Amino acid sequence: MTEQPAPNPTPLRDRLRAALPIALKARDRATASTLRAALAAIENAEAVDAGDVRAGAIEASAVGIGAAEAARRELSEADVAAIVRAEIAEREHAAEVYQASGQSAKAEELLAGAAVLVGFVDAD
């Protein structure tokens, strides 16, 4: 019987955030861009639906600092991993499209970005 590796205790989002300054210091623009895109996708998933926000009469509006703030969605670790996996799948699909159209350099760039993200998801 083989032992299962212990799950990584550091949340995926925190690992992505920690890797970004390292990529920037190394001047690895492709990795930094990939990490920024994945973090942005996570942030976008936490955003409040526009349908939840309703405008009303001025006299009925909230008053005071932060009174009109809406709480962001709370994502579980599984939600964050699913978002990163979707980013990987999107890059792989786009790479196939670029490869089919004869733009192999762009396809390789997208596949390299997908590989960066796979390294984070597979660490779980």
C-alpha atoms as a PDB file:
ATOM      1  CA  MET A   1       0.000   0.000   0.000  1.00  0.00           C
ATOM      2  CA  THR A   2       1.459   3.346  -1.034  1.00  0.00           C
ATOM      3  CA  GLU A   3       1.129   6.433   1.101  1.00  0.00           C
ATOM      4  CA  GLN A   4      -0.772   9.385  -0.241  1.00  0.00           C
ATOM      5  CA  PRO A   5       1.264  12.594  -0.214  1.00  0.00           C
ATOM      6  CA  ALA A   6       0.119  15.071   2.387  1.00  0.00           C
ATOM      7  CA  PRO A   7      -1.954  17.893   0.883  1.00  0.00           C
ATOM      8  CA  ASN A   8      -0.165  21.189   0.615  1.00  0.00           C
ATOM      9  CA  PRO A   9      -1.256  23.263   3.649  1.00  0.00           C
ATOM     10  CA  THR A  10      -0.704  26.591   1.868  1.00  0.00           C
ATOM     11  CA  PRO A  11      -3.776  27.695  -0.094  1.00  0.00           C
ATOM     12  CA  LEU A  12      -3.386  27.703  -3.870  1.00  0.00           C
ATOM     13  CA  ARG A  13      -4.120  31.428  -4.155  1.00  0.00           C
ATOM     14  CA  ASP A  14      -1.374  32.215  -1.623  1.00  0.00           C
ATOM     15  CA  ARG A  15       1.113  30.080  -3.543  1.00  0.00           C
ATOM     16  CA  LEU A  16       0.229  31.883  -6.782  1.00  0.00           C
ATOM     17  CA  ARG A  17       0.617  35.259  -5.067  1.00  0.00           C
ATOM     18  CA  ALA A  18       3.973  34.240  -3.555  1.00  0.00           C
ATOM     19  CA  ALA A  19       5.277  33.094  -6.949  1.00  0.00           C
ATOM     20  CA  LEU A  20       4.415  36.381  -8.670  1.00  0.00           C
ATOM     21  CA  PRO A  21       7.135  38.580  -7.098  1.00  0.00           C
ATOM     22  CA  ILE A  22       9.650  35.795  -7.674  1.00  0.00           C
ATOM     23  CA  ALA A  23       8.767  35.737 -11.383  1.00  0.00           C
ATOM     24  CA  LEU A  24       8.918  39.522 -11.534  1.00  0.00           C
ATOM     25  CA  LYS A  25      12.349  39.637  -9.884  1.00  0.00           C
ATOM     26  CA  ALA A  26      13.566  36.963 -12.292  1.00  0.00           C
ATOM     27  CA  ARG A  27      12.171  39.087 -15.160  1.00  0.00           C
ATOM     28  CA  ASP A  28      10.165  36.069 -16.319  1.00  0.00           C
ATOM     29  CA  ARG A  29       7.438  38.000 -18.087  1.00  0.00           C
ATOM     30  CA  ALA A  30       5.597  34.937 -19.389  1.00  0.00           C
ATOM     31  CA  THR A  31       5.269  33.356 -15.941  1.00  0.00           C
ATOM     32  CA  ALA A  32       4.338  36.680 -14.332  1.00  0.00           C
ATOM     33  CA  SER A  33       1.652  37.243 -16.958  1.00  0.00           C
ATOM     34  CA  THR A  34       0.255  33.737 -16.439  1.00  0.00           C
ATOM     35  CA  LEU A  35       0.172  34.166 -12.662  1.00  0.00           C
ATOM     36  CA  ARG A  36      -1.506  37.573 -12.957  1.00  0.00           C
ATOM     37  CA  ALA A  37      -4.154  36.155 -15.272  1.00  0.00           C
ATOM     38  CA  ALA A  38      -4.919  33.266 -12.912  1.00  0.00           C
ATOM     39  CA  LEU A  39      -5.124  35.582  -9.894  1.00  0.00           C
ATOM     40  CA  ALA A  40      -7.405  37.933 -11.845  1.00  0.00           C
ATOM     41  CA  ALA A  41      -9.693  35.027 -12.750  1.00  0.00           C
ATOM     42  CA  ILE A  42      -9.940  34.123  -9.060  1.00  0.00           C
ATOM     43  CA  GLU A  43     -10.673  37.743  -8.098  1.00  0.00           C
ATOM     44  CA  ASN A  44     -13.334  37.983 -10.820  1.00  0.00           C
ATOM     45  CA  ALA A  45     -15.019  34.830  -9.533  1.00  0.00           C
ATOM     46  CA  GLU A  46     -15.311  36.455  -6.108  1.00  0.00           C
ATOM     47  CA  ALA A  47     -17.000  39.566  -7.474  1.00  0.00           C
ATOM     48  CA  VAL A  48     -20.609  40.282  -6.605  1.00  0.00           C
ATOM     49  CA  ASP A  49     -23.142  39.655  -9.350  1.00  0.00           C
ATOM     50  CA  ALA A  50     -24.373  42.842 -10.982  1.00  0.00           C
ATOM     51  CA  GLY A  51     -27.880  41.408 -10.593  1.00  0.00           C
ATOM     52  CA  ASP A  52     -27.473  41.533  -6.804  1.00  0.00           C
ATOM     53  CA  VAL A  53     -26.900  45.291  -6.845  1.00  0.00           C
ATOM     54  CA  ARG A  54     -30.019  47.391  -7.156  1.00  0.00           C
ATOM     55  CA  ALA A  55     -30.313  51.119  -7.609  1.00  0.00           C
ATOM     56  CA  GLY A  56     -33.048  52.942  -5.843  1.00  0.00           C
ATOM     57  CA  ALA A  57     -34.167  56.348  -4.844  1.00  0.00           C
ATOM     58  CA  ILE A  58     -31.499  58.645  -3.428  1.00  0.00           C
ATOM     59  CA  GLU A  59     -33.356  59.019  -0.167  1.00  0.00           C
ATOM     60  CA  ALA A  60     -33.339  55.230   0.290  1.00  0.00           C
ATOM     61  CA  SER A  61     -29.605  54.883  -0.297  1.00  0.00           C
ATOM     62  CA  ALA A  62     -27.165  53.712   2.341  1.00  0.00           C
ATOM     63  CA  VAL A  63     -25.343  56.385   4.296  1.00  0.00           C
ATOM     64  CA  GLY A  64     -21.931  56.194   5.927  1.00  0.00           C
ATOM     65  CA  ILE A  65     -18.532  54.760   5.181  1.00  0.00           C
ATOM     66  CA  GLY A  66     -18.831  51.265   3.798  1.00  0.00           C
ATOM     67  CA  ALA A  67     -22.620  51.192   4.132  1.00  0.00           C
ATOM     68  CA  ALA A  68     -23.069  50.384   0.460  1.00  0.00           C
ATOM     69  CA  GLU A  69     -20.312  47.757   0.353  1.00  0.00           C
ATOM     70  CA  ALA A  70     -21.362  44.303  -0.756  1.00  0.00           C
ATOM     71  CA  ALA A  71     -19.564  41.273   0.586  1.00  0.00           C
ATOM     72  CA  ARG A  72     -17.499  39.377  -1.949  1.00  0.00           C
ATOM     73  CA  ARG A  73     -18.122  35.690  -2.527  1.00  0.00           C
ATOM     74  CA  GLU A  74     -16.102  33.280  -0.425  1.00  0.00           C
ATOM     75  CA  LEU A  75     -14.383  30.678  -2.583  1.00  0.00           C
ATOM     76  CA  SER A  76     -13.354  27.319  -1.201  1.00  0.00           C
ATOM     77  CA  GLU A  77      -9.977  25.810  -2.007  1.00  0.00           C
ATOM     78  CA  ALA A  78     -11.771  23.478  -4.436  1.00  0.00           C
ATOM     79  CA  ASP A  79     -13.359  26.484  -6.179  1.00  0.00           C
ATOM     80  CA  VAL A  80      -9.964  28.152  -6.579  1.00  0.00           C
ATOM     81  CA  ALA A  81      -8.442  24.918  -7.929  1.00  0.00           C
ATOM     82  CA  ALA A  82     -11.336  24.580 -10.398  1.00  0.00           C
ATOM     83  CA  ILE A  83     -10.748  28.134 -11.631  1.00  0.00           C
ATOM     84  CA  VAL A  84      -7.033  27.449 -12.152  1.00  0.00           C
ATOM     85  CA  ARG A  85      -7.859  24.184 -13.947  1.00  0.00           C
ATOM     86  CA  ALA A  86     -10.242  26.128 -16.200  1.00  0.00           C
ATOM     87  CA  GLU A  87      -7.418  28.590 -16.962  1.00  0.00           C
ATOM     88  CA  ILE A  88      -5.196  25.615 -17.887  1.00  0.00           C
ATOM     89  CA  ALA A  89      -7.872  24.118 -20.144  1.00  0.00           C
ATOM     90  CA  GLU A  90      -8.474  27.494 -21.794  1.00  0.00           C
ATOM     91  CA  ARG A  91      -4.772  27.891 -22.574  1.00  0.00           C
ATOM     92  CA  GLU A  92      -4.506  24.345 -23.911  1.00  0.00           C
ATOM     93  CA  HIS A  93      -7.530  24.827 -26.165  1.00  0.00           C
ATOM     94  CA  ALA A  94      -6.219  28.154 -27.459  1.00  0.00           C
ATOM     95  CA  ALA A  95      -2.849  26.516 -28.115  1.00  0.00           C
ATOM     96  CA  GLU A  96      -4.573  23.876 -30.252  1.00  0.00           C
ATOM     97  CA  VAL A  97      -6.299  26.601 -32.253  1.00  0.00           C
ATOM     98  CA  TYR A  98      -3.046  28.506 -32.770  1.00  0.00           C
ATOM     99  CA  GLN A  99      -1.213  25.297 -33.714  1.00  0.00           C
ATOM    100  CA  ALA A 100      -3.907  24.449 -36.270  1.00  0.00           C
ATOM    101  CA  SER A 101      -3.566  27.906 -37.806  1.00  0.00           C
ATOM    102  CA  GLY A 102       0.207  27.531 -38.103  1.00  0.00           C
ATOM    103  CA  GLN A 103       1.176  29.857 -35.253  1.00  0.00           C
ATOM    104  CA  SER A 104       3.309  27.424 -33.305  1.00  0.00           C
ATOM    105  CA  ALA A 105       5.231  30.121 -31.395  1.00  0.00           C
ATOM    106  CA  LYS A 106       2.039  31.440 -29.809  1.00  0.00           C
ATOM    107  CA  ALA A 107       0.867  27.874 -29.154  1.00  0.00           C
ATOM    108  CA  GLU A 108       4.117  27.071 -27.338  1.00  0.00           C
ATOM    109  CA  GLU A 109       3.787  30.248 -25.275  1.00  0.00           C
ATOM    110  CA  LEU A 110       0.277  29.254 -24.186  1.00  0.00           C
ATOM    111  CA  LEU A 111       1.347  25.700 -23.382  1.00  0.00           C
ATOM    112  CA  ALA A 112       4.236  27.018 -21.283  1.00  0.00           C
ATOM    113  CA  GLY A 113       1.756  29.134 -19.324  1.00  0.00           C
ATOM    114  CA  ALA A 114      -0.483  26.115 -18.836  1.00  0.00           C
ATOM    115  CA  ALA A 115       2.510  24.122 -17.568  1.00  0.00           C
ATOM    116  CA  VAL A 116       3.244  26.838 -14.988  1.00  0.00           C
ATOM    117  CA  LEU A 117      -0.286  26.557 -13.629  1.00  0.00           C
ATOM    118  CA  VAL A 118      -0.262  22.744 -13.739  1.00  0.00           C
ATOM    119  CA  GLY A 119       2.732  22.852 -11.415  1.00  0.00           C
ATOM    120  CA  PHE A 120       0.639  24.696  -8.829  1.00  0.00           C
ATOM    121  CA  VAL A 121      -2.474  22.540  -9.136  1.00  0.00           C
ATOM    122  CA  ASP A 122      -0.522  19.269  -9.132  1.00  0.00           C
ATOM    123  CA  ALA A 123       1.258  20.340  -5.929  1.00  0.00           C
ATOM    124  CA  ASP A 124      -2.060  19.799  -4.116  1.00  0.00           C
END
